[in-house]
């Protein structure tokens, strides 16, 4: 995975975190997102990130945000970054 693609995912995760905090999700949903993001960020730091592991984490983040209208743009940015990096997306299903 190219470093530019990894950076795109990292930026999208930062946007998703901000959208989640601003969306006034209930505490459990926000806690769940905060539990998933650090391992995803750690995987992005690996010399060769595992695409399937990233897919699991990133799709979970997108699924948590997809029903929040104010987070739609961040969700789509995450989707675009995943596709650019070759990470499978399935959050819309």
C-alpha atoms as a PDB file:
ATOM      1  CA  UNK A   1       0.000   0.000   0.000  1.00  0.00           C
ATOM      2  CA  UNK A   2       1.408   3.356  -1.002  1.00  0.00           C
ATOM      3  CA  UNK A   3       2.190   5.947   1.665  1.00  0.00           C
ATOM      4  CA  UNK A   4      -0.021   8.529  -0.078  1.00  0.00           C
ATOM      5  CA  UNK A   5      -2.970   6.134   0.195  1.00  0.00           C
ATOM      6  CA  UNK A   6      -2.195   5.526   3.859  1.00  0.00           C
ATOM      7  CA  UNK A   7      -2.064   9.262   4.479  1.00  0.00           C
ATOM      8  CA  UNK A   8      -5.446   9.638   2.756  1.00  0.00           C
ATOM      9  CA  UNK A   9      -6.960   7.051   5.084  1.00  0.00           C
ATOM     10  CA  UNK A  10      -5.344   8.720   8.087  1.00  0.00           C
ATOM     11  CA  UNK A  11      -6.845  12.089   7.113  1.00  0.00           C
ATOM     12  CA  UNK A  12     -10.252  10.499   6.520  1.00  0.00           C
ATOM     13  CA  UNK A  13     -10.116   8.877   9.976  1.00  0.00           C
ATOM     14  CA  UNK A  14      -9.336  12.240  11.534  1.00  0.00           C
ATOM     15  CA  UNK A  15     -12.366  13.708   9.779  1.00  0.00           C
ATOM     16  CA  UNK A  16     -14.525  10.782  10.867  1.00  0.00           C
ATOM     17  CA  UNK A  17     -13.463  11.221  14.486  1.00  0.00           C
ATOM     18  CA  UNK A  18     -14.393  14.909  14.373  1.00  0.00           C
ATOM     19  CA  UNK A  19     -17.728  14.143  12.716  1.00  0.00           C
ATOM     20  CA  UNK A  20     -18.521  11.545  15.363  1.00  0.00           C
ATOM     21  CA  UNK A  21     -17.753  13.958  18.173  1.00  0.00           C
ATOM     22  CA  UNK A  22     -19.839  16.713  16.573  1.00  0.00           C
ATOM     23  CA  UNK A  23     -22.766  14.447  15.685  1.00  0.00           C
ATOM     24  CA  UNK A  24     -23.855  14.077  19.285  1.00  0.00           C
ATOM     25  CA  UNK A  25     -23.806  10.301  19.145  1.00  0.00           C
ATOM     26  CA  UNK A  26     -24.803   8.648  22.367  1.00  0.00           C
ATOM     27  CA  UNK A  27     -21.949   7.732  24.669  1.00  0.00           C
ATOM     28  CA  UNK A  28     -21.927   4.041  23.732  1.00  0.00           C
ATOM     29  CA  UNK A  29     -21.680   4.712  20.000  1.00  0.00           C
ATOM     30  CA  UNK A  30     -18.938   7.262  20.483  1.00  0.00           C
ATOM     31  CA  UNK A  31     -17.061   4.897  22.813  1.00  0.00           C
ATOM     32  CA  UNK A  32     -17.348   2.108  20.230  1.00  0.00           C
ATOM     33  CA  UNK A  33     -15.849   4.371  17.566  1.00  0.00           C
ATOM     34  CA  UNK A  34     -13.060   5.436  19.891  1.00  0.00           C
ATOM     35  CA  UNK A  35     -12.311   1.751  20.545  1.00  0.00           C
ATOM     36  CA  UNK A  36     -11.937   0.993  16.817  1.00  0.00           C
ATOM     37  CA  UNK A  37      -9.928   3.994  15.692  1.00  0.00           C
ATOM     38  CA  UNK A  38      -6.679   3.439  17.656  1.00  0.00           C
ATOM     39  CA  UNK A  39      -6.127  -0.105  16.294  1.00  0.00           C
ATOM     40  CA  UNK A  40      -6.885   1.153  12.783  1.00  0.00           C
ATOM     41  CA  UNK A  41      -4.362   3.948  13.227  1.00  0.00           C
ATOM     42  CA  UNK A  42      -1.821   1.457  14.607  1.00  0.00           C
ATOM     43  CA  UNK A  43      -2.326  -0.766  11.558  1.00  0.00           C
ATOM     44  CA  UNK A  44      -1.657   2.236   9.320  1.00  0.00           C
ATOM     45  CA  UNK A  45       1.709   2.645  11.081  1.00  0.00           C
ATOM     46  CA  UNK A  46       2.798  -0.888  10.141  1.00  0.00           C
ATOM     47  CA  UNK A  47       5.433  -1.278   7.436  1.00  0.00           C
ATOM     48  CA  UNK A  48       2.945  -3.300   5.416  1.00  0.00           C
ATOM     49  CA  UNK A  49      -0.614  -2.671   6.695  1.00  0.00           C
ATOM     50  CA  UNK A  50      -2.949  -5.660   6.530  1.00  0.00           C
ATOM     51  CA  UNK A  51      -5.691  -4.757   4.072  1.00  0.00           C
ATOM     52  CA  UNK A  52      -8.286  -7.111   5.592  1.00  0.00           C
ATOM     53  CA  UNK A  53      -7.650  -5.804   9.089  1.00  0.00           C
ATOM     54  CA  UNK A  54      -8.023  -2.238   7.855  1.00  0.00           C
ATOM     55  CA  UNK A  55     -11.178  -3.213   6.003  1.00  0.00           C
ATOM     56  CA  UNK A  56     -12.725  -4.533   9.205  1.00  0.00           C
ATOM     57  CA  UNK A  57     -11.882  -1.440  11.243  1.00  0.00           C
ATOM     58  CA  UNK A  58     -12.636   1.182   8.612  1.00  0.00           C
ATOM     59  CA  UNK A  59     -15.931  -0.357   7.523  1.00  0.00           C
ATOM     60  CA  UNK A  60     -16.963  -0.425  11.173  1.00  0.00           C
ATOM     61  CA  UNK A  61     -16.257   3.298  11.458  1.00  0.00           C
ATOM     62  CA  UNK A  62     -18.199   4.046   8.269  1.00  0.00           C
ATOM     63  CA  UNK A  63     -21.144   1.885   9.384  1.00  0.00           C
ATOM     64  CA  UNK A  64     -21.325   3.779  12.655  1.00  0.00           C
ATOM     65  CA  UNK A  65     -21.487   7.112  10.832  1.00  0.00           C
ATOM     66  CA  UNK A  66     -23.631   6.257   7.809  1.00  0.00           C
ATOM     67  CA  UNK A  67     -26.950   7.072   9.488  1.00  0.00           C
ATOM     68  CA  UNK A  68     -25.741  10.451  10.740  1.00  0.00           C
ATOM     69  CA  UNK A  69     -26.625  13.079   8.121  1.00  0.00           C
ATOM     70  CA  UNK A  70     -24.019  15.540   9.390  1.00  0.00           C
ATOM     71  CA  UNK A  71     -21.283  12.894   8.976  1.00  0.00           C
ATOM     72  CA  UNK A  72     -22.170  11.896   5.406  1.00  0.00           C
ATOM     73  CA  UNK A  73     -19.260  13.788   3.811  1.00  0.00           C
ATOM     74  CA  UNK A  74     -16.732  12.252   6.194  1.00  0.00           C
ATOM     75  CA  UNK A  75     -18.193   8.815   5.544  1.00  0.00           C
ATOM     76  CA  UNK A  76     -17.810   9.316   1.794  1.00  0.00           C
ATOM     77  CA  UNK A  77     -14.263  10.644   2.254  1.00  0.00           C
ATOM     78  CA  UNK A  78     -13.389   7.513   4.203  1.00  0.00           C
ATOM     79  CA  UNK A  79     -14.941   5.379   1.462  1.00  0.00           C
ATOM     80  CA  UNK A  80     -12.947   7.199  -1.228  1.00  0.00           C
ATOM     81  CA  UNK A  81      -9.705   6.837   0.735  1.00  0.00           C
ATOM     82  CA  UNK A  82     -10.354   3.128   1.236  1.00  0.00           C
ATOM     83  CA  UNK A  83     -11.023   2.583  -2.459  1.00  0.00           C
ATOM     84  CA  UNK A  84      -7.909   4.570  -3.418  1.00  0.00           C
ATOM     85  CA  UNK A  85      -5.848   2.330  -1.130  1.00  0.00           C
ATOM     86  CA  UNK A  86      -7.434  -0.888  -2.378  1.00  0.00           C
ATOM     87  CA  UNK A  87      -9.209  -1.592   0.920  1.00  0.00           C
ATOM     88  CA  UNK A  88     -12.529  -3.416   0.346  1.00  0.00           C
ATOM     89  CA  UNK A  89     -15.608  -1.456   1.320  1.00  0.00           C
ATOM     90  CA  UNK A  90     -18.861  -3.017   2.507  1.00  0.00           C
ATOM     91  CA  UNK A  91     -20.218  -0.441   4.921  1.00  0.00           C
ATOM     92  CA  UNK A  92     -23.198   0.418   2.718  1.00  0.00           C
ATOM     93  CA  UNK A  93     -24.669  -3.087   2.978  1.00  0.00           C
END
